[in-house]
Amino acid sequence: MKIKKFDVVDFLDNDEAIIEYLNTALEEGNSEFFVKAVGDVARSKGMMKVARSSGLGRQNLYRSLSRGGNPRIETLFRVLDALDIKLSVAR
């Protein structure tokens, strides 16, 4: 029996799961975790599709949105826009 390695992307199959995942990542207050979460969502939607929609290179997205990646805020905004996800600020 082969055991499949856990990948959160397998569970990001609907908008509710994606929003919950990103909100949880934001609540952690860890920018590296949030960036990786955005990358996970991008992978769940298809990195090539996100790259095309955002006008960014696929390889650059993989590198920027992985653990240890340090994307510019502009890159994050373009990816979130390509994913049709809006961030909001609340008090």
PDB file of N, CA and C in Angstrom:
ATOM      1  N   MET A   1       0.839  -1.180   0.000  1.00  0.00           N
ATOM      2  CA  MET A   1       0.000   0.000   0.000  1.00  0.00           C
ATOM      3  C   MET A   1       0.885   1.244   0.000  1.00  0.00           C
ATOM      4  N   LYS A   2       0.617   2.151  -0.923  1.00  0.00           N
ATOM      5  CA  LYS A   2       1.383   3.387  -1.014  1.00  0.00           C
ATOM      6  C   LYS A   2       0.612   4.500  -0.306  1.00  0.00           C
ATOM      7  N   ILE A   3       1.304   5.211   0.566  1.00  0.00           N
ATOM      8  CA  ILE A   3       0.695   6.325   1.290  1.00  0.00           C
ATOM      9  C   ILE A   3       1.034   7.613   0.554  1.00  0.00           C
ATOM     10  N   LYS A   4      -0.004   8.376   0.243  1.00  0.00           N
ATOM     11  CA  LYS A   4       0.177   9.642  -0.462  1.00  0.00           C
ATOM     12  C   LYS A   4       0.591  10.725   0.527  1.00  0.00           C
ATOM     13  N   LYS A   5       1.573  11.521   0.142  1.00  0.00           N
ATOM     14  CA  LYS A   5       2.023  12.630   0.972  1.00  0.00           C
ATOM     15  C   LYS A   5       0.913  13.684   1.061  1.00  0.00           C
ATOM     16  N   PHE A   6       0.708  14.215   2.262  1.00  0.00           N
ATOM     17  CA  PHE A   6      -0.322  15.231   2.478  1.00  0.00           C
ATOM     18  C   PHE A   6       0.001  16.489   1.692  1.00  0.00           C
ATOM     19  N   ASP A   7      -1.001  17.012   1.007  1.00  0.00           N
ATOM     20  CA  ASP A   7      -0.882  18.282   0.307  1.00  0.00           C
ATOM     21  C   ASP A   7      -2.188  19.031   0.506  1.00  0.00           C
ATOM     22  N   VAL A   8      -2.118  20.180   1.154  1.00  0.00           N
ATOM     23  CA  VAL A   8      -3.314  20.972   1.455  1.00  0.00           C
ATOM     24  C   VAL A   8      -4.081  21.325   0.185  1.00  0.00           C
ATOM     25  N   VAL A   9      -3.395  21.400  -0.938  1.00  0.00           N
ATOM     26  CA  VAL A   9      -4.041  21.737  -2.205  1.00  0.00           C
ATOM     27  C   VAL A   9      -5.177  20.769  -2.525  1.00  0.00           C
ATOM     28  N   ASP A  10      -5.047  19.526  -2.092  1.00  0.00           N
ATOM     29  CA  ASP A  10      -6.091  18.525  -2.335  1.00  0.00           C
ATOM     30  C   ASP A  10      -7.410  18.907  -1.657  1.00  0.00           C
ATOM     31  N   PHE A  11      -7.360  19.784  -0.670  1.00  0.00           N
ATOM     32  CA  PHE A  11      -8.548  20.172   0.087  1.00  0.00           C
ATOM     33  C   PHE A  11      -9.059  21.575  -0.278  1.00  0.00           C
ATOM     34  N   LEU A  12      -8.361  22.244  -1.153  1.00  0.00           N
ATOM     35  CA  LEU A  12      -8.756  23.598  -1.567  1.00  0.00           C
ATOM     36  C   LEU A  12      -9.573  23.503  -2.855  1.00  0.00           C
ATOM     37  N   ASP A  13     -10.701  22.830  -2.748  1.00  0.00           N
ATOM     38  CA  ASP A  13     -11.485  22.525  -3.939  1.00  0.00           C
ATOM     39  C   ASP A  13     -12.775  23.336  -4.061  1.00  0.00           C
ATOM     40  N   ASN A  14     -12.949  24.318  -3.163  1.00  0.00           N
ATOM     41  CA  ASN A  14     -14.121  25.195  -3.277  1.00  0.00           C
ATOM     42  C   ASN A  14     -13.790  26.540  -2.632  1.00  0.00           C
ATOM     43  N   ASP A  15     -14.603  27.533  -2.973  1.00  0.00           N
ATOM     44  CA  ASP A  15     -14.331  28.894  -2.493  1.00  0.00           C
ATOM     45  C   ASP A  15     -14.334  28.994  -0.975  1.00  0.00           C
ATOM     46  N   GLU A  16     -15.249  28.292  -0.318  1.00  0.00           N
ATOM     47  CA  GLU A  16     -15.333  28.354   1.141  1.00  0.00           C
ATOM     48  C   GLU A  16     -14.042  27.843   1.789  1.00  0.00           C
ATOM     49  N   ALA A  17     -13.522  26.738   1.298  1.00  0.00           N
ATOM     50  CA  ALA A  17     -12.280  26.178   1.848  1.00  0.00           C
ATOM     51  C   ALA A  17     -11.110  27.136   1.615  1.00  0.00           C
ATOM     52  N   ILE A  18     -11.064  27.735   0.439  1.00  0.00           N
ATOM     53  CA  ILE A  18      -9.978  28.667   0.113  1.00  0.00           C
ATOM     54  C   ILE A  18     -10.023  29.894   1.020  1.00  0.00           C
ATOM     55  N   ILE A  19     -11.185  30.475   1.188  1.00  0.00           N
ATOM     56  CA  ILE A  19     -11.322  31.672   2.030  1.00  0.00           C
ATOM     57  C   ILE A  19     -10.980  31.350   3.486  1.00  0.00           C
ATOM     58  N   GLU A  20     -11.448  30.222   3.976  1.00  0.00           N
ATOM     59  CA  GLU A  20     -11.141  29.811   5.355  1.00  0.00           C
ATOM     60  C   GLU A  20      -9.634  29.623   5.541  1.00  0.00           C
ATOM     61  N   TYR A  21      -9.006  28.987   4.568  1.00  0.00           N
ATOM     62  CA  TYR A  21      -7.557  28.748   4.632  1.00  0.00           C
ATOM     63  C   TYR A  21      -6.785  30.071   4.650  1.00  0.00           C
ATOM     64  N   LEU A  22      -7.132  30.989   3.761  1.00  0.00           N
ATOM     65  CA  LEU A  22      -6.423  32.272   3.711  1.00  0.00           C
ATOM     66  C   LEU A  22      -6.689  33.112   4.960  1.00  0.00           C
ATOM     67  N   ASN A  23      -7.912  33.101   5.457  1.00  0.00           N
ATOM     68  CA  ASN A  23      -8.213  33.840   6.697  1.00  0.00           C
ATOM     69  C   ASN A  23      -7.424  33.268   7.869  1.00  0.00           C
ATOM     70  N   THR A  24      -7.341  31.959   7.959  1.00  0.00           N
ATOM     71  CA  THR A  24      -6.556  31.322   9.021  1.00  0.00           C
ATOM     72  C   THR A  24      -5.090  31.712   8.909  1.00  0.00           C
ATOM     73  N   ALA A  25      -4.574  31.719   7.688  1.00  0.00           N
ATOM     74  CA  ALA A  25      -3.171  32.100   7.471  1.00  0.00           C
ATOM     75  C   ALA A  25      -2.933  33.550   7.900  1.00  0.00           C
ATOM     76  N   LEU A  26      -3.869  34.432   7.588  1.00  0.00           N
ATOM     77  CA  LEU A  26      -3.737  35.833   8.008  1.00  0.00           C
ATOM     78  C   LEU A  26      -3.778  35.968   9.522  1.00  0.00           C
ATOM     79  N   GLU A  27      -4.679  35.226  10.156  1.00  0.00           N
ATOM     80  CA  GLU A  27      -4.819  35.305  11.607  1.00  0.00           C
ATOM     81  C   GLU A  27      -3.568  34.843  12.340  1.00  0.00           C
ATOM     82  N   GLU A  28      -2.791  33.973  11.708  1.00  0.00           N
ATOM     83  CA  GLU A  28      -1.541  33.500  12.324  1.00  0.00           C
ATOM     84  C   GLU A  28      -0.539  34.642  12.493  1.00  0.00           C
ATOM     85  N   GLY A  29      -0.654  35.660  11.643  1.00  0.00           N
ATOM     86  CA  GLY A  29       0.251  36.799  11.750  1.00  0.00           C
ATOM     87  C   GLY A  29       1.659  36.508  11.274  1.00  0.00           C
ATOM     88  N   ASN A  30       1.819  35.454  10.501  1.00  0.00           N
ATOM     89  CA  ASN A  30       3.126  35.054   9.997  1.00  0.00           C
ATOM     90  C   ASN A  30       3.128  35.264   8.485  1.00  0.00           C
ATOM     91  N   SER A  31       3.881  36.254   8.025  1.00  0.00           N
ATOM     92  CA  SER A  31       3.863  36.596   6.606  1.00  0.00           C
ATOM     93  C   SER A  31       4.322  35.447   5.725  1.00  0.00           C
ATOM     94  N   GLU A  32       5.305  34.685   6.172  1.00  0.00           N
ATOM     95  CA  GLU A  32       5.789  33.548   5.380  1.00  0.00           C
ATOM     96  C   GLU A  32       4.682  32.508   5.195  1.00  0.00           C
ATOM     97  N   PHE A  33       3.917  32.253   6.252  1.00  0.00           N
ATOM     98  CA  PHE A  33       2.816  31.300   6.163  1.00  0.00           C
ATOM     99  C   PHE A  33       1.732  31.811   5.224  1.00  0.00           C
ATOM    100  N   PHE A  34       1.421  33.111   5.292  1.00  0.00           N
ATOM    101  CA  PHE A  34       0.405  33.670   4.405  1.00  0.00           C
ATOM    102  C   PHE A  34       0.846  33.580   2.948  1.00  0.00           C
ATOM    103  N   VAL A  35       2.088  33.916   2.672  1.00  0.00           N
ATOM    104  CA  VAL A  35       2.604  33.838   1.300  1.00  0.00           C
ATOM    105  C   VAL A  35       2.505  32.408   0.784  1.00  0.00           C
ATOM    106  N   LYS A  36       2.877  31.442   1.606  1.00  0.00           N
ATOM    107  CA  LYS A  36       2.774  30.040   1.190  1.00  0.00           C
ATOM    108  C   LYS A  36       1.318  29.659   0.964  1.00  0.00           C
ATOM    109  N   ALA A  37       0.415  30.148   1.805  1.00  0.00           N
ATOM    110  CA  ALA A  37      -1.012  29.851   1.637  1.00  0.00           C
ATOM    111  C   ALA A  37      -1.523  30.395   0.303  1.00  0.00           C
ATOM    112  N   VAL A  38      -1.114  31.604  -0.066  1.00  0.00           N
ATOM    113  CA  VAL A  38      -1.493  32.160  -1.366  1.00  0.00           C
ATOM    114  C   VAL A  38      -0.936  31.275  -2.476  1.00  0.00           C
ATOM    115  N   GLY A  39       0.286  30.804  -2.297  1.00  0.00           N
ATOM    116  CA  GLY A  39       0.876  29.882  -3.275  1.00  0.00           C
ATOM    117  C   GLY A  39       0.104  28.580  -3.374  1.00  0.00           C
ATOM    118  N   ASP A  40      -0.341  28.060  -2.244  1.00  0.00           N
ATOM    119  CA  ASP A  40      -1.146  26.829  -2.247  1.00  0.00           C
ATOM    120  C   ASP A  40      -2.448  27.037  -3.017  1.00  0.00           C
ATOM    121  N   VAL A  41      -3.085  28.171  -2.794  1.00  0.00           N
ATOM    122  CA  VAL A  41      -4.330  28.475  -3.504  1.00  0.00           C
ATOM    123  C   VAL A  41      -4.056  28.611  -4.999  1.00  0.00           C
ATOM    124  N   ALA A  42      -2.974  29.274  -5.353  1.00  0.00           N
ATOM    125  CA  ALA A  42      -2.613  29.415  -6.766  1.00  0.00           C
ATOM    126  C   ALA A  42      -2.384  28.036  -7.394  1.00  0.00           C
ATOM    127  N   ARG A  43      -1.700  27.147  -6.677  1.00  0.00           N
ATOM    128  CA  ARG A  43      -1.490  25.785  -7.197  1.00  0.00           C
ATOM    129  C   ARG A  43      -2.814  25.059  -7.363  1.00  0.00           C
ATOM    130  N   SER A  44      -3.749  25.287  -6.433  1.00  0.00           N
ATOM    131  CA  SER A  44      -5.044  24.604  -6.519  1.00  0.00           C
ATOM    132  C   SER A  44      -5.840  25.056  -7.741  1.00  0.00           C
ATOM    133  N   LYS A  45      -5.622  26.287  -8.178  1.00  0.00           N
ATOM    134  CA  LYS A  45      -6.322  26.840  -9.336  1.00  0.00           C
ATOM    135  C   LYS A  45      -5.574  26.615 -10.645  1.00  0.00           C
ATOM    136  N   GLY A  46      -4.299  26.219 -10.529  1.00  0.00           N
ATOM    137  CA  GLY A  46      -3.457  26.021 -11.710  1.00  0.00           C
ATOM    138  C   GLY A  46      -2.486  27.172 -11.854  1.00  0.00           C
ATOM    139  N   MET A  47      -1.228  26.902 -11.568  1.00  0.00           N
ATOM    140  CA  MET A  47      -0.221  27.968 -11.558  1.00  0.00           C
ATOM    141  C   MET A  47      -0.060  28.611 -12.933  1.00  0.00           C
ATOM    142  N   MET A  48      -0.194  27.822 -13.993  1.00  0.00           N
ATOM    143  CA  MET A  48      -0.066  28.395 -15.339  1.00  0.00           C
ATOM    144  C   MET A  48      -1.204  29.387 -15.606  1.00  0.00           C
ATOM    145  N   LYS A  49      -2.402  29.031 -15.199  1.00  0.00           N
ATOM    146  CA  LYS A  49      -3.562  29.918 -15.382  1.00  0.00           C
ATOM    147  C   LYS A  49      -3.374  31.206 -14.574  1.00  0.00           C
ATOM    148  N   VAL A  50      -2.914  31.083 -13.337  1.00  0.00           N
ATOM    149  CA  VAL A  50      -2.682  32.253 -12.483  1.00  0.00           C
ATOM    150  C   VAL A  50      -1.575  33.123 -13.076  1.00  0.00           C
ATOM    151  N   ALA A  51      -0.528  32.486 -13.589  1.00  0.00           N
ATOM    152  CA  ALA A  51       0.569  33.233 -14.203  1.00  0.00           C
ATOM    153  C   ALA A  51       0.061  34.043 -15.391  1.00  0.00           C
ATOM    154  N   ARG A  52      -0.721  33.409 -16.242  1.00  0.00           N
ATOM    155  CA  ARG A  52      -1.270  34.108 -17.406  1.00  0.00           C
ATOM    156  C   ARG A  52      -2.166  35.271 -16.979  1.00  0.00           C
ATOM    157  N   SER A  53      -3.060  35.015 -16.022  1.00  0.00           N
ATOM    158  CA  SER A  53      -4.002  36.046 -15.578  1.00  0.00           C
ATOM    159  C   SER A  53      -3.320  37.217 -14.887  1.00  0.00           C
ATOM    160  N   SER A  54      -2.235  36.935 -14.192  1.00  0.00           N
ATOM    161  CA  SER A  54      -1.539  37.982 -13.440  1.00  0.00           C
ATOM    162  C   SER A  54      -0.463  38.680 -14.261  1.00  0.00           C
ATOM    163  N   GLY A  55      -0.068  38.076 -15.374  1.00  0.00           N
ATOM    164  CA  GLY A  55       1.009  38.639 -16.187  1.00  0.00           C
ATOM    165  C   GLY A  55       2.386  38.377 -15.608  1.00  0.00           C
ATOM    166  N   LEU A  56       2.466  37.410 -14.703  1.00  0.00           N
ATOM    167  CA  LEU A  56       3.742  37.068 -14.066  1.00  0.00           C
ATOM    168  C   LEU A  56       4.222  35.708 -14.565  1.00  0.00           C
ATOM    169  N   GLY A  57       5.512  35.465 -14.474  1.00  0.00           N
ATOM    170  CA  GLY A  57       6.084  34.202 -14.911  1.00  0.00           C
ATOM    171  C   GLY A  57       5.765  33.066 -13.938  1.00  0.00           C
ATOM    172  N   ARG A  58       5.455  31.899 -14.493  1.00  0.00           N
ATOM    173  CA  ARG A  58       5.089  30.741 -13.667  1.00  0.00           C
ATOM    174  C   ARG A  58       6.222  30.361 -12.709  1.00  0.00           C
ATOM    175  N   GLN A  59       7.437  30.277 -13.219  1.00  0.00           N
ATOM    176  CA  GLN A  59       8.576  29.905 -12.363  1.00  0.00           C
ATOM    177  C   GLN A  59       8.796  30.937 -11.263  1.00  0.00           C
ATOM    178  N   ASN A  60       8.636  32.204 -11.606  1.00  0.00           N
ATOM    179  CA  ASN A  60       8.771  33.276 -10.622  1.00  0.00           C
ATOM    180  C   ASN A  60       7.701  33.132  -9.532  1.00  0.00           C
ATOM    181  N   LEU A  61       6.484  32.766  -9.942  1.00  0.00           N
ATOM    182  CA  LEU A  61       5.416  32.582  -8.956  1.00  0.00           C
ATOM    183  C   LEU A  61       5.732  31.424  -8.021  1.00  0.00           C
ATOM    184  N   TYR A  62       6.167  30.300  -8.578  1.00  0.00           N
ATOM    185  CA  TYR A  62       6.516  29.164  -7.716  1.00  0.00           C
ATOM    186  C   TYR A  62       7.563  29.581  -6.694  1.00  0.00           C
ATOM    187  N   ARG A  63       8.579  30.292  -7.149  1.00  0.00           N
ATOM    188  CA  ARG A  63       9.672  30.705  -6.257  1.00  0.00           C
ATOM    189  C   ARG A  63       9.186  31.727  -5.221  1.00  0.00           C
ATOM    190  N   SER A  64       8.437  32.726  -5.677  1.00  0.00           N
ATOM    191  CA  SER A  64       7.988  33.794  -4.779  1.00  0.00           C
ATOM    192  C   SER A  64       6.974  33.320  -3.748  1.00  0.00           C
ATOM    193  N   LEU A  65       6.118  32.364  -4.143  1.00  0.00           N
ATOM    194  CA  LEU A  65       5.017  31.949  -3.276  1.00  0.00           C
ATOM    195  C   LEU A  65       5.287  30.650  -2.525  1.00  0.00           C
ATOM    196  N   SER A  66       6.525  30.245  -2.466  1.00  0.00           N
ATOM    197  CA  SER A  66       6.871  29.041  -1.712  1.00  0.00           C
ATOM    198  C   SER A  66       7.388  29.433  -0.333  1.00  0.00           C
ATOM    199  N   ARG A  67       7.558  28.444   0.522  1.00  0.00           N
ATOM    200  CA  ARG A  67       8.112  28.718   1.848  1.00  0.00           C
ATOM    201  C   ARG A  67       9.480  29.359   1.667  1.00  0.00           C
ATOM    202  N   GLY A  68       9.691  30.470   2.325  1.00  0.00           N
ATOM    203  CA  GLY A  68      10.951  31.197   2.190  1.00  0.00           C
ATOM    204  C   GLY A  68      10.920  32.238   1.090  1.00  0.00           C
ATOM    205  N   GLY A  69       9.856  32.224   0.280  1.00  0.00           N
ATOM    206  CA  GLY A  69       9.719  33.233  -0.770  1.00  0.00           C
ATOM    207  C   GLY A  69       9.452  34.594  -0.154  1.00  0.00           C
ATOM    208  N   ASN A  70       9.811  35.617  -0.866  1.00  0.00           N
ATOM    209  CA  ASN A  70       9.629  36.973  -0.346  1.00  0.00           C
ATOM    210  C   ASN A  70       9.121  37.868  -1.479  1.00  0.00           C
ATOM    211  N   PRO A  71       7.850  37.656  -1.887  1.00  0.00           N
ATOM    212  CA  PRO A  71       7.337  38.420  -3.026  1.00  0.00           C
ATOM    213  C   PRO A  71       7.101  39.880  -2.663  1.00  0.00           C
ATOM    214  N   ARG A  72       7.167  40.713  -3.672  1.00  0.00           N
ATOM    215  CA  ARG A  72       6.791  42.114  -3.485  1.00  0.00           C
ATOM    216  C   ARG A  72       5.289  42.159  -3.264  1.00  0.00           C
ATOM    217  N   ILE A  73       4.828  43.188  -2.580  1.00  0.00           N
ATOM    218  CA  ILE A  73       3.398  43.336  -2.312  1.00  0.00           C
ATOM    219  C   ILE A  73       2.623  43.434  -3.629  1.00  0.00           C
ATOM    220  N   GLU A  74       3.225  44.049  -4.637  1.00  0.00           N
ATOM    221  CA  GLU A  74       2.601  44.145  -5.954  1.00  0.00           C
ATOM    222  C   GLU A  74       2.348  42.752  -6.535  1.00  0.00           C
ATOM    223  N   THR A  75       3.294  41.853  -6.347  1.00  0.00           N
ATOM    224  CA  THR A  75       3.129  40.483  -6.831  1.00  0.00           C
ATOM    225  C   THR A  75       1.957  39.813  -6.130  1.00  0.00           C
ATOM    226  N   LEU A  76       1.882  39.960  -4.809  1.00  0.00           N
ATOM    227  CA  LEU A  76       0.762  39.375  -4.064  1.00  0.00           C
ATOM    228  C   LEU A  76      -0.569  39.942  -4.546  1.00  0.00           C
ATOM    229  N   PHE A  77      -0.635  41.247  -4.731  1.00  0.00           N
ATOM    230  CA  PHE A  77      -1.879  41.870  -5.203  1.00  0.00           C
ATOM    231  C   PHE A  77      -2.271  41.339  -6.582  1.00  0.00           C
ATOM    232  N   ARG A  78      -1.303  41.182  -7.479  1.00  0.00           N
ATOM    233  CA  ARG A  78      -1.599  40.681  -8.821  1.00  0.00           C
ATOM    234  C   ARG A  78      -2.084  39.241  -8.773  1.00  0.00           C
ATOM    235  N   VAL A  79      -1.471  38.432  -7.913  1.00  0.00           N
ATOM    236  CA  VAL A  79      -1.901  37.034  -7.785  1.00  0.00           C
ATOM    237  C   VAL A  79      -3.299  36.966  -7.180  1.00  0.00           C
ATOM    238  N   LEU A  80      -3.533  37.712  -6.113  1.00  0.00           N
ATOM    239  CA  LEU A  80      -4.860  37.709  -5.493  1.00  0.00           C
ATOM    240  C   LEU A  80      -5.922  38.200  -6.473  1.00  0.00           C
ATOM    241  N   ASP A  81      -5.589  39.194  -7.269  1.00  0.00           N
ATOM    242  CA  ASP A  81      -6.530  39.679  -8.280  1.00  0.00           C
ATOM    243  C   ASP A  81      -6.803  38.589  -9.321  1.00  0.00           C
ATOM    244  N   ALA A  82      -5.770  37.887  -9.753  1.00  0.00           N
ATOM    245  CA  ALA A  82      -5.936  36.799 -10.713  1.00  0.00           C
ATOM    246  C   ALA A  82      -6.807  35.686 -10.142  1.00  0.00           C
ATOM    247  N   LEU A  83      -6.734  35.499  -8.829  1.00  0.00           N
ATOM    248  CA  LEU A  83      -7.547  34.479  -8.156  1.00  0.00           C
ATOM    249  C   LEU A  83      -8.944  35.001  -7.804  1.00  0.00           C
ATOM    250  N   ASP A  84      -9.199  36.272  -8.107  1.00  0.00           N
ATOM    251  CA  ASP A  84     -10.459  36.943  -7.787  1.00  0.00           C
ATOM    252  C   ASP A  84     -10.714  36.925  -6.266  1.00  0.00           C
ATOM    253  N   ILE A  85      -9.651  37.188  -5.513  1.00  0.00           N
ATOM    254  CA  ILE A  85      -9.725  37.238  -4.046  1.00  0.00           C
ATOM    255  C   ILE A  85      -9.398  38.657  -3.611  1.00  0.00           C
ATOM    256  N   LYS A  86     -10.222  39.195  -2.745  1.00  0.00           N
ATOM    257  CA  LYS A  86     -10.028  40.548  -2.238  1.00  0.00           C
ATOM    258  C   LYS A  86      -9.680  40.482  -0.751  1.00  0.00           C
ATOM    259  N   LEU A  87      -8.714  41.281  -0.352  1.00  0.00           N
ATOM    260  CA  LEU A  87      -8.374  41.409   1.070  1.00  0.00           C
ATOM    261  C   LEU A  87      -9.100  42.621   1.623  1.00  0.00           C
ATOM    262  N   SER A  88      -9.421  42.548   2.895  1.00  0.00           N
ATOM    263  CA  SER A  88     -10.029  43.700   3.543  1.00  0.00           C
ATOM    264  C   SER A  88      -9.401  43.894   4.911  1.00  0.00           C
ATOM    265  N   VAL A  89      -9.535  45.094   5.415  1.00  0.00           N
ATOM    266  CA  VAL A  89      -8.990  45.444   6.720  1.00  0.00           C
ATOM    267  C   VAL A  89     -10.167  45.696   7.651  1.00  0.00           C
ATOM    268  N   ALA A  90     -10.070  45.169   8.838  1.00  0.00           N
ATOM    269  CA  ALA A  90     -11.138  45.359   9.822  1.00  0.00           C
ATOM    270  C   ALA A  90     -10.524  45.705  11.164  1.00  0.00           C
ATOM    271  N   ARG A  91     -11.327  46.256  12.006  1.00  0.00           N
ATOM    272  CA  ARG A  91     -10.852  46.610  13.344  1.00  0.00           C
ATOM    273  C   ARG A  91     -11.603  45.812  14.368  1.00  0.00           C
TER     274      ARG A  91
END
